[in-house]
């Protein structure tokens, strides 16, 4: 997870579904061999898996993101110095996606510019209450991300959702 390309591959597989290394290389501007290497690393960590039933022949390899929700903390890996750096890289990626919206939002119709939002709050919570909040937010995000998209004529854009809840001081 400490490699930005691996995180991007996970995002692409989550949003677009199963893919081959060739298609992923085209989407990312990377060499097929580089993509294959990173897919193998992700597979070794059980973050992606092969989907042999999609292959048209023995040479074609399809990959999909593992169905589990990706959630972790550096505290899950207390003896790994890369884990703390990985958290920082994830934050950088999230920030970059939001900054991309800032740079491109004038190209969106007014309803989309009005609908996008940012919010923050302060709350005094116990560890148990914070865990309960996490569970509720994960369930809400999953209900939106995993649903069957209605065919009702409404325009839907891909929306990046992120939440951080960390102890802090104003």
N, C-alpha and C. Protein backbone atom coordinates (compact mmCIF):
# COMPACT_ATOMS: atom_id res chain seq x y z
N UNK A 1 0.81 -1.20 0.00
CA UNK A 1 0.00 0.00 0.00
C UNK A 1 0.84 1.26 0.00
N UNK A 2 2.15 1.12 0.25
CA UNK A 2 2.98 2.32 0.30
C UNK A 2 3.34 2.83 -1.09
N UNK A 3 2.99 2.10 -2.12
CA UNK A 3 3.31 2.52 -3.49
C UNK A 3 2.08 3.17 -4.14
N UNK A 4 2.22 4.41 -4.60
CA UNK A 4 1.05 5.12 -5.16
C UNK A 4 0.41 4.41 -6.35
N UNK A 5 1.19 3.75 -7.19
CA UNK A 5 0.61 3.05 -8.33
C UNK A 5 -0.25 1.89 -7.87
N UNK A 6 0.17 1.19 -6.82
CA UNK A 6 -0.65 0.07 -6.31
C UNK A 6 -1.99 0.58 -5.81
N UNK A 7 -1.98 1.69 -5.12
CA UNK A 7 -3.24 2.26 -4.63
C UNK A 7 -4.13 2.65 -5.80
N UNK A 8 -3.52 3.23 -6.83
CA UNK A 8 -4.30 3.62 -8.00
C UNK A 8 -4.88 2.40 -8.70
N UNK A 9 -4.10 1.33 -8.82
CA UNK A 9 -4.61 0.10 -9.42
C UNK A 9 -5.80 -0.44 -8.63
N UNK A 10 -5.71 -0.42 -7.31
CA UNK A 10 -6.82 -0.86 -6.48
C UNK A 10 -8.06 -0.01 -6.73
N UNK A 11 -7.86 1.31 -6.85
CA UNK A 11 -8.99 2.21 -7.12
C UNK A 11 -9.62 1.90 -8.48
N UNK A 12 -8.80 1.72 -9.50
CA UNK A 12 -9.33 1.44 -10.84
C UNK A 12 -10.09 0.12 -10.85
N UNK A 13 -9.54 -0.90 -10.21
CA UNK A 13 -10.23 -2.19 -10.17
C UNK A 13 -11.53 -2.09 -9.37
N UNK A 14 -11.55 -1.27 -8.34
CA UNK A 14 -12.77 -1.10 -7.54
C UNK A 14 -13.86 -0.39 -8.35
N UNK A 15 -13.46 0.64 -9.09
CA UNK A 15 -14.43 1.44 -9.83
C UNK A 15 -14.86 0.77 -11.13
N UNK A 16 -13.90 0.26 -11.90
CA UNK A 16 -14.19 -0.25 -13.24
C UNK A 16 -14.37 -1.76 -13.31
N UNK A 17 -14.04 -2.46 -12.23
CA UNK A 17 -14.19 -3.91 -12.23
C UNK A 17 -12.96 -4.60 -12.78
N UNK A 18 -13.07 -5.91 -13.02
CA UNK A 18 -11.92 -6.71 -13.46
C UNK A 18 -11.28 -6.15 -14.72
N UNK A 19 -9.97 -6.38 -14.82
CA UNK A 19 -9.22 -5.86 -15.95
C UNK A 19 -7.96 -6.70 -16.17
N UNK A 20 -7.34 -6.47 -17.31
CA UNK A 20 -6.06 -7.11 -17.62
C UNK A 20 -4.94 -6.11 -17.37
N UNK A 21 -3.73 -6.60 -17.28
CA UNK A 21 -2.57 -5.73 -17.10
C UNK A 21 -2.44 -4.76 -18.28
N UNK A 22 -2.76 -5.22 -19.47
CA UNK A 22 -2.66 -4.35 -20.66
C UNK A 22 -3.61 -3.16 -20.57
N UNK A 23 -4.84 -3.42 -20.17
CA UNK A 23 -5.82 -2.34 -20.05
C UNK A 23 -5.41 -1.39 -18.92
N UNK A 24 -4.95 -1.95 -17.80
CA UNK A 24 -4.51 -1.12 -16.69
C UNK A 24 -3.29 -0.28 -17.08
N UNK A 25 -2.41 -0.84 -17.89
CA UNK A 25 -1.25 -0.08 -18.37
C UNK A 25 -1.70 1.12 -19.19
N UNK A 26 -2.69 0.91 -20.04
CA UNK A 26 -3.22 2.00 -20.84
C UNK A 26 -3.87 3.08 -19.98
N UNK A 27 -4.58 2.66 -18.94
CA UNK A 27 -5.25 3.63 -18.05
C UNK A 27 -4.27 4.44 -17.23
N UNK A 28 -3.11 3.86 -16.92
CA UNK A 28 -2.16 4.52 -16.02
C UNK A 28 -0.95 5.10 -16.72
N UNK A 29 -0.77 4.77 -18.00
CA UNK A 29 0.41 5.24 -18.71
C UNK A 29 1.68 4.51 -18.31
N UNK A 30 1.55 3.34 -17.74
CA UNK A 30 2.69 2.54 -17.29
C UNK A 30 2.93 1.38 -18.25
N UNK A 31 4.11 0.80 -18.17
CA UNK A 31 4.44 -0.38 -18.98
C UNK A 31 3.68 -1.60 -18.45
N UNK A 32 3.30 -2.48 -19.35
CA UNK A 32 2.56 -3.69 -18.97
C UNK A 32 3.35 -4.51 -17.95
N UNK A 33 4.66 -4.64 -18.14
CA UNK A 33 5.50 -5.40 -17.21
C UNK A 33 5.48 -4.80 -15.81
N UNK A 34 5.47 -3.48 -15.72
CA UNK A 34 5.41 -2.80 -14.43
C UNK A 34 4.07 -3.07 -13.74
N UNK A 35 2.99 -2.99 -14.52
CA UNK A 35 1.66 -3.27 -13.97
C UNK A 35 1.58 -4.72 -13.50
N UNK A 36 2.10 -5.65 -14.30
CA UNK A 36 2.09 -7.07 -13.91
C UNK A 36 2.82 -7.29 -12.60
N UNK A 37 3.96 -6.65 -12.46
CA UNK A 37 4.73 -6.76 -11.21
C UNK A 37 3.89 -6.29 -10.03
N UNK A 38 3.28 -5.13 -10.14
CA UNK A 38 2.51 -4.60 -9.02
C UNK A 38 1.26 -5.43 -8.74
N UNK A 39 0.65 -5.99 -9.77
CA UNK A 39 -0.50 -6.88 -9.56
C UNK A 39 -0.08 -8.13 -8.79
N UNK A 40 1.09 -8.65 -9.08
CA UNK A 40 1.59 -9.83 -8.36
C UNK A 40 1.86 -9.50 -6.89
N UNK A 41 2.40 -8.31 -6.62
CA UNK A 41 2.62 -7.89 -5.23
C UNK A 41 1.28 -7.75 -4.51
N UNK A 42 0.31 -7.14 -5.17
CA UNK A 42 -1.02 -6.99 -4.56
C UNK A 42 -1.68 -8.35 -4.35
N UNK A 43 -1.48 -9.27 -5.28
CA UNK A 43 -2.04 -10.62 -5.13
C UNK A 43 -1.40 -11.35 -3.96
N UNK A 44 -0.11 -11.18 -3.78
CA UNK A 44 0.59 -11.82 -2.66
C UNK A 44 0.05 -11.31 -1.32
N UNK A 45 -0.46 -10.10 -1.31
CA UNK A 45 -1.06 -9.53 -0.10
C UNK A 45 -2.57 -9.76 -0.04
N UNK A 46 -3.09 -10.51 -1.00
CA UNK A 46 -4.51 -10.85 -1.09
C UNK A 46 -5.41 -9.63 -1.26
N UNK A 47 -4.87 -8.59 -1.91
CA UNK A 47 -5.66 -7.39 -2.19
C UNK A 47 -6.30 -7.46 -3.57
N UNK A 48 -5.72 -8.27 -4.46
CA UNK A 48 -6.33 -8.56 -5.77
C UNK A 48 -6.26 -10.07 -5.97
N UNK A 49 -7.08 -10.54 -6.91
CA UNK A 49 -7.09 -11.96 -7.22
C UNK A 49 -7.32 -12.15 -8.72
N UNK A 50 -6.82 -13.26 -9.22
CA UNK A 50 -7.03 -13.57 -10.63
C UNK A 50 -8.47 -13.99 -10.86
N UNK A 51 -8.94 -13.73 -12.08
CA UNK A 51 -10.29 -14.12 -12.49
C UNK A 51 -10.15 -14.94 -13.77
N UNK A 52 -9.72 -16.20 -13.65
CA UNK A 52 -9.43 -17.00 -14.85
C UNK A 52 -10.64 -17.22 -15.75
N UNK A 53 -11.83 -17.18 -15.20
CA UNK A 53 -13.03 -17.43 -16.02
C UNK A 53 -13.27 -16.33 -17.05
N UNK A 54 -12.64 -15.17 -16.89
CA UNK A 54 -12.80 -14.09 -17.87
C UNK A 54 -11.80 -14.19 -19.03
N UNK A 55 -10.78 -15.01 -18.88
CA UNK A 55 -9.74 -15.13 -19.91
C UNK A 55 -10.29 -15.83 -21.16
N UNK A 56 -9.90 -15.29 -22.31
CA UNK A 56 -10.31 -15.90 -23.58
C UNK A 56 -9.36 -17.00 -24.02
N UNK A 57 -8.13 -16.94 -23.49
CA UNK A 57 -7.15 -17.99 -23.79
C UNK A 57 -6.18 -18.09 -22.61
N UNK A 58 -5.21 -19.00 -22.70
CA UNK A 58 -4.31 -19.26 -21.57
C UNK A 58 -3.34 -18.11 -21.30
N UNK A 59 -3.10 -17.28 -22.29
CA UNK A 59 -2.15 -16.17 -22.09
C UNK A 59 -2.78 -14.98 -21.40
N UNK A 60 -4.08 -14.83 -21.52
CA UNK A 60 -4.77 -13.66 -20.97
C UNK A 60 -5.02 -13.85 -19.47
N UNK A 61 -4.64 -12.84 -18.68
CA UNK A 61 -4.86 -12.89 -17.23
C UNK A 61 -5.69 -11.69 -16.80
N UNK A 62 -6.80 -11.99 -16.17
CA UNK A 62 -7.69 -10.96 -15.65
C UNK A 62 -7.52 -10.88 -14.14
N UNK A 63 -7.68 -9.67 -13.61
CA UNK A 63 -7.53 -9.41 -12.18
C UNK A 63 -8.73 -8.62 -11.67
N UNK A 64 -9.07 -8.87 -10.41
CA UNK A 64 -10.10 -8.06 -9.75
C UNK A 64 -9.64 -7.76 -8.34
N UNK A 65 -10.21 -6.73 -7.79
CA UNK A 65 -9.91 -6.38 -6.41
C UNK A 65 -10.60 -7.40 -5.52
N UNK A 66 -9.93 -7.79 -4.45
CA UNK A 66 -10.55 -8.70 -3.49
C UNK A 66 -11.76 -8.02 -2.88
N UNK A 67 -12.79 -8.79 -2.54
CA UNK A 67 -14.04 -8.18 -2.10
C UNK A 67 -13.99 -7.50 -0.73
N UNK A 68 -12.97 -7.76 0.06
CA UNK A 68 -12.92 -7.16 1.40
C UNK A 68 -12.73 -5.65 1.33
N UNK A 69 -13.28 -4.95 2.32
CA UNK A 69 -13.09 -3.52 2.46
C UNK A 69 -11.65 -3.27 2.88
N UNK A 70 -11.04 -2.29 2.27
CA UNK A 70 -9.66 -1.96 2.60
C UNK A 70 -9.65 -0.91 3.70
N UNK A 71 -9.30 -1.33 4.89
CA UNK A 71 -9.24 -0.44 6.04
C UNK A 71 -8.08 -0.88 6.92
N UNK A 72 -7.22 0.05 7.29
CA UNK A 72 -6.07 -0.31 8.10
C UNK A 72 -5.54 0.95 8.79
N UNK A 73 -4.66 0.73 9.70
CA UNK A 73 -4.00 1.81 10.43
C UNK A 73 -2.54 1.41 10.63
N UNK A 74 -1.67 2.40 10.75
CA UNK A 74 -0.26 2.10 11.01
C UNK A 74 -0.12 1.31 12.31
N UNK A 75 -1.05 1.49 13.23
CA UNK A 75 -0.99 0.75 14.50
C UNK A 75 -1.25 -0.75 14.30
N UNK A 76 -1.80 -1.13 13.14
CA UNK A 76 -1.97 -2.55 12.82
C UNK A 76 -0.62 -3.21 12.54
N UNK A 77 0.40 -2.38 12.24
CA UNK A 77 1.74 -2.86 11.90
C UNK A 77 2.76 -2.09 12.73
N UNK A 78 2.77 -2.29 14.06
CA UNK A 78 3.59 -1.44 14.94
C UNK A 78 5.09 -1.52 14.69
N UNK A 79 5.57 -2.62 14.16
CA UNK A 79 7.01 -2.77 13.94
C UNK A 79 7.44 -2.48 12.51
N UNK A 80 6.53 -1.94 11.70
CA UNK A 80 6.83 -1.68 10.30
C UNK A 80 6.94 -0.19 10.05
N UNK A 81 8.16 0.33 9.84
CA UNK A 81 8.32 1.76 9.63
C UNK A 81 7.67 2.25 8.33
N UNK A 82 7.42 1.33 7.39
CA UNK A 82 6.80 1.73 6.13
C UNK A 82 5.32 2.06 6.34
N UNK A 83 4.69 1.47 7.37
CA UNK A 83 3.26 1.69 7.59
C UNK A 83 2.95 3.15 7.86
N UNK A 84 3.74 3.82 8.68
CA UNK A 84 3.51 5.24 8.96
C UNK A 84 3.67 6.06 7.69
N UNK A 85 4.66 5.73 6.88
CA UNK A 85 4.86 6.44 5.61
C UNK A 85 3.69 6.17 4.67
N UNK A 86 3.17 4.96 4.70
CA UNK A 86 2.05 4.62 3.83
C UNK A 86 0.82 5.43 4.19
N UNK A 87 0.57 5.66 5.47
CA UNK A 87 -0.57 6.50 5.87
C UNK A 87 -0.43 7.89 5.29
N UNK A 88 0.77 8.41 5.32
CA UNK A 88 1.03 9.74 4.76
C UNK A 88 0.79 9.75 3.25
N UNK A 89 1.20 8.68 2.57
CA UNK A 89 0.99 8.60 1.12
C UNK A 89 -0.50 8.51 0.78
N UNK A 90 -1.26 7.79 1.59
CA UNK A 90 -2.71 7.70 1.37
C UNK A 90 -3.33 9.08 1.53
N UNK A 91 -2.92 9.82 2.56
CA UNK A 91 -3.42 11.17 2.75
C UNK A 91 -3.05 12.05 1.55
N UNK A 92 -1.82 11.92 1.06
CA UNK A 92 -1.41 12.69 -0.12
C UNK A 92 -2.30 12.37 -1.31
N UNK A 93 -2.63 11.09 -1.52
CA UNK A 93 -3.49 10.70 -2.64
C UNK A 93 -4.88 11.28 -2.48
N UNK A 94 -5.44 11.20 -1.28
CA UNK A 94 -6.77 11.76 -1.03
C UNK A 94 -6.78 13.27 -1.28
N UNK A 95 -5.75 13.93 -0.80
CA UNK A 95 -5.64 15.38 -0.99
C UNK A 95 -5.51 15.71 -2.47
N UNK A 96 -4.73 14.92 -3.20
CA UNK A 96 -4.55 15.17 -4.64
C UNK A 96 -5.88 15.02 -5.38
N UNK A 97 -6.71 14.05 -5.00
CA UNK A 97 -8.00 13.88 -5.65
C UNK A 97 -8.92 15.08 -5.39
N UNK A 98 -8.88 15.60 -4.19
CA UNK A 98 -9.69 16.78 -3.87
C UNK A 98 -9.15 18.00 -4.62
N UNK A 99 -7.84 18.16 -4.65
CA UNK A 99 -7.25 19.28 -5.40
C UNK A 99 -7.57 19.17 -6.89
N UNK A 100 -7.65 17.95 -7.41
CA UNK A 100 -8.03 17.76 -8.81
C UNK A 100 -9.44 18.31 -9.04
N UNK A 101 -10.34 18.04 -8.09
CA UNK A 101 -11.70 18.59 -8.18
C UNK A 101 -11.65 20.12 -8.18
N UNK A 102 -10.87 20.71 -7.30
CA UNK A 102 -10.75 22.17 -7.27
C UNK A 102 -10.32 22.70 -8.63
N UNK A 103 -9.37 22.02 -9.26
CA UNK A 103 -8.84 22.49 -10.54
C UNK A 103 -9.84 22.30 -11.68
N UNK A 104 -10.72 21.31 -11.58
CA UNK A 104 -11.61 20.97 -12.69
C UNK A 104 -13.06 21.36 -12.46
N UNK A 105 -13.41 21.84 -11.28
CA UNK A 105 -14.84 22.03 -10.96
C UNK A 105 -15.55 23.02 -11.87
N UNK A 106 -14.84 24.01 -12.41
CA UNK A 106 -15.50 24.97 -13.31
C UNK A 106 -15.99 24.30 -14.58
N UNK A 107 -15.47 23.14 -14.91
CA UNK A 107 -15.90 22.40 -16.09
C UNK A 107 -17.16 21.57 -15.85
N UNK A 108 -17.64 21.53 -14.62
CA UNK A 108 -18.85 20.78 -14.28
C UNK A 108 -20.05 21.72 -14.28
N UNK A 109 -21.23 21.19 -14.59
CA UNK A 109 -22.44 22.02 -14.52
C UNK A 109 -22.68 22.49 -13.08
N UNK A 110 -23.37 23.60 -12.95
CA UNK A 110 -23.63 24.21 -11.64
C UNK A 110 -24.21 23.25 -10.61
N UNK A 111 -25.16 22.39 -10.96
CA UNK A 111 -25.69 21.48 -9.93
C UNK A 111 -24.60 20.62 -9.28
N UNK A 112 -23.62 20.18 -10.07
CA UNK A 112 -22.53 19.37 -9.51
C UNK A 112 -21.63 20.23 -8.63
N UNK A 113 -21.37 21.45 -9.04
CA UNK A 113 -20.51 22.34 -8.22
C UNK A 113 -21.20 22.62 -6.89
N UNK A 114 -22.51 22.76 -6.91
CA UNK A 114 -23.27 23.02 -5.68
C UNK A 114 -23.37 21.77 -4.82
N UNK A 115 -23.43 20.60 -5.44
CA UNK A 115 -23.64 19.35 -4.69
C UNK A 115 -22.38 18.88 -3.96
N UNK A 116 -21.22 19.15 -4.52
CA UNK A 116 -19.97 18.74 -3.85
C UNK A 116 -19.86 19.48 -2.52
N UNK A 117 -19.33 18.83 -1.51
CA UNK A 117 -19.27 19.47 -0.20
C UNK A 117 -18.06 19.04 0.60
N UNK A 118 -17.78 19.81 1.60
CA UNK A 118 -16.78 19.50 2.60
C UNK A 118 -17.38 19.89 3.94
N UNK A 119 -17.08 19.11 4.94
CA UNK A 119 -17.56 19.45 6.27
C UNK A 119 -16.57 18.94 7.30
N UNK A 120 -16.58 19.54 8.44
CA UNK A 120 -15.82 18.98 9.56
C UNK A 120 -16.53 19.36 10.85
N UNK A 121 -16.31 18.55 11.85
CA UNK A 121 -16.95 18.71 13.15
C UNK A 121 -15.98 18.30 14.24
N UNK A 122 -16.26 18.73 15.43
CA UNK A 122 -15.54 18.25 16.62
C UNK A 122 -16.56 17.54 17.50
N UNK A 123 -16.18 16.42 18.07
CA UNK A 123 -17.06 15.68 18.97
C UNK A 123 -16.19 15.00 20.03
N UNK A 124 -16.69 14.92 21.23
CA UNK A 124 -15.99 14.18 22.29
C UNK A 124 -16.51 12.75 22.26
N UNK A 125 -15.62 11.82 21.91
CA UNK A 125 -16.00 10.42 21.73
C UNK A 125 -15.09 9.51 22.52
N UNK A 126 -15.65 8.41 22.96
CA UNK A 126 -14.84 7.33 23.53
C UNK A 126 -14.30 6.48 22.39
N UNK A 127 -13.38 5.59 22.69
CA UNK A 127 -12.87 4.67 21.68
C UNK A 127 -14.01 3.84 21.11
N UNK A 128 -14.91 3.39 21.96
CA UNK A 128 -16.04 2.58 21.50
C UNK A 128 -16.96 3.40 20.59
N UNK A 129 -17.20 4.66 20.94
CA UNK A 129 -18.05 5.50 20.09
C UNK A 129 -17.40 5.78 18.74
N UNK A 130 -16.08 5.97 18.74
CA UNK A 130 -15.38 6.17 17.48
C UNK A 130 -15.45 4.92 16.61
N UNK A 131 -15.33 3.76 17.22
CA UNK A 131 -15.45 2.50 16.49
C UNK A 131 -16.87 2.34 15.91
N UNK A 132 -17.87 2.75 16.68
CA UNK A 132 -19.26 2.69 16.20
C UNK A 132 -19.46 3.64 15.01
N UNK A 133 -18.87 4.84 15.09
CA UNK A 133 -18.95 5.79 13.99
C UNK A 133 -18.30 5.20 12.74
N UNK A 134 -17.14 4.59 12.91
CA UNK A 134 -16.45 3.96 11.78
C UNK A 134 -17.35 2.91 11.13
N UNK A 135 -17.97 2.08 11.93
CA UNK A 135 -18.85 1.02 11.41
C UNK A 135 -20.01 1.61 10.61
N UNK A 136 -20.62 2.67 11.13
CA UNK A 136 -21.75 3.30 10.45
C UNK A 136 -21.31 3.95 9.13
N UNK A 137 -20.16 4.62 9.15
CA UNK A 137 -19.68 5.26 7.93
C UNK A 137 -19.33 4.21 6.89
N UNK A 138 -18.65 3.14 7.28
CA UNK A 138 -18.32 2.06 6.34
C UNK A 138 -19.60 1.49 5.73
N UNK A 139 -20.62 1.27 6.56
CA UNK A 139 -21.87 0.71 6.05
C UNK A 139 -22.53 1.67 5.05
N UNK A 140 -22.51 2.96 5.36
CA UNK A 140 -23.10 3.93 4.44
C UNK A 140 -22.33 3.97 3.12
N UNK A 141 -21.00 4.05 3.19
CA UNK A 141 -20.19 4.07 1.98
C UNK A 141 -20.43 2.80 1.16
N UNK A 142 -20.45 1.66 1.82
CA UNK A 142 -20.65 0.39 1.11
C UNK A 142 -22.03 0.35 0.44
N UNK A 143 -23.04 0.88 1.12
CA UNK A 143 -24.39 0.87 0.54
C UNK A 143 -24.44 1.71 -0.73
N UNK A 144 -23.63 2.76 -0.80
CA UNK A 144 -23.60 3.59 -2.00
C UNK A 144 -22.71 2.99 -3.08
N UNK A 145 -21.56 2.49 -2.69
CA UNK A 145 -20.59 1.99 -3.67
C UNK A 145 -20.99 0.64 -4.27
N UNK A 146 -21.66 -0.19 -3.50
CA UNK A 146 -21.96 -1.55 -3.93
C UNK A 146 -23.37 -1.73 -4.49
N UNK A 147 -24.13 -0.67 -4.54
CA UNK A 147 -25.52 -0.80 -4.99
C UNK A 147 -25.60 -0.94 -6.51
N UNK A 148 -26.70 -1.45 -6.95
CA UNK A 148 -27.01 -1.48 -8.37
C UNK A 148 -27.42 -0.06 -8.76
N UNK A 149 -26.73 0.52 -9.73
CA UNK A 149 -27.03 1.90 -10.11
C UNK A 149 -28.35 1.91 -10.88
N UNK A 150 -29.32 2.69 -10.39
CA UNK A 150 -30.63 2.71 -11.04
C UNK A 150 -30.55 3.24 -12.48
N UNK A 151 -31.37 2.70 -13.32
CA UNK A 151 -31.47 3.17 -14.69
C UNK A 151 -32.70 4.08 -14.76
N UNK A 152 -32.56 5.28 -14.17
CA UNK A 152 -33.70 6.19 -14.04
C UNK A 152 -33.50 7.50 -14.80
N UNK A 153 -32.48 7.55 -15.67
CA UNK A 153 -32.26 8.75 -16.46
C UNK A 153 -31.48 9.84 -15.75
N UNK A 154 -31.19 9.66 -14.46
CA UNK A 154 -30.42 10.65 -13.71
C UNK A 154 -28.95 10.55 -14.11
N UNK A 155 -28.29 11.70 -14.24
CA UNK A 155 -26.85 11.70 -14.52
C UNK A 155 -26.11 11.39 -13.23
N UNK A 156 -25.19 10.42 -13.30
CA UNK A 156 -24.38 10.07 -12.14
C UNK A 156 -22.91 10.20 -12.52
N UNK A 157 -22.16 10.86 -11.66
CA UNK A 157 -20.72 11.01 -11.82
C UNK A 157 -20.05 10.11 -10.79
N UNK A 158 -18.83 9.73 -11.08
CA UNK A 158 -18.02 9.02 -10.10
C UNK A 158 -17.65 10.02 -9.01
N UNK A 159 -17.94 9.71 -7.75
CA UNK A 159 -17.70 10.62 -6.63
C UNK A 159 -16.73 9.96 -5.67
N UNK A 160 -15.68 10.70 -5.32
CA UNK A 160 -14.69 10.24 -4.35
C UNK A 160 -15.20 10.59 -2.96
N UNK A 161 -15.31 9.59 -2.10
CA UNK A 161 -15.78 9.78 -0.73
C UNK A 161 -14.64 9.49 0.23
N UNK A 162 -14.40 10.36 1.17
CA UNK A 162 -13.36 10.11 2.17
C UNK A 162 -13.78 10.69 3.50
N UNK A 163 -13.36 10.04 4.55
CA UNK A 163 -13.61 10.51 5.91
C UNK A 163 -12.37 10.22 6.73
N UNK A 164 -12.02 11.12 7.58
CA UNK A 164 -10.94 10.91 8.56
C UNK A 164 -11.50 11.27 9.92
N UNK A 165 -11.23 10.47 10.88
CA UNK A 165 -11.61 10.77 12.25
C UNK A 165 -10.40 10.48 13.13
N UNK A 166 -9.77 11.54 13.61
CA UNK A 166 -8.55 11.39 14.39
C UNK A 166 -8.60 12.31 15.62
N UNK A 167 -8.04 11.86 16.74
CA UNK A 167 -7.97 12.76 17.88
C UNK A 167 -7.15 14.01 17.51
N UNK A 168 -7.56 15.14 18.00
CA UNK A 168 -6.85 16.37 17.68
C UNK A 168 -7.22 17.49 18.63
N UNK A 169 -6.65 18.63 18.41
CA UNK A 169 -6.91 19.82 19.20
C UNK A 169 -7.16 20.99 18.25
N UNK A 170 -8.18 21.81 18.54
CA UNK A 170 -8.44 22.98 17.70
C UNK A 170 -7.30 24.00 17.79
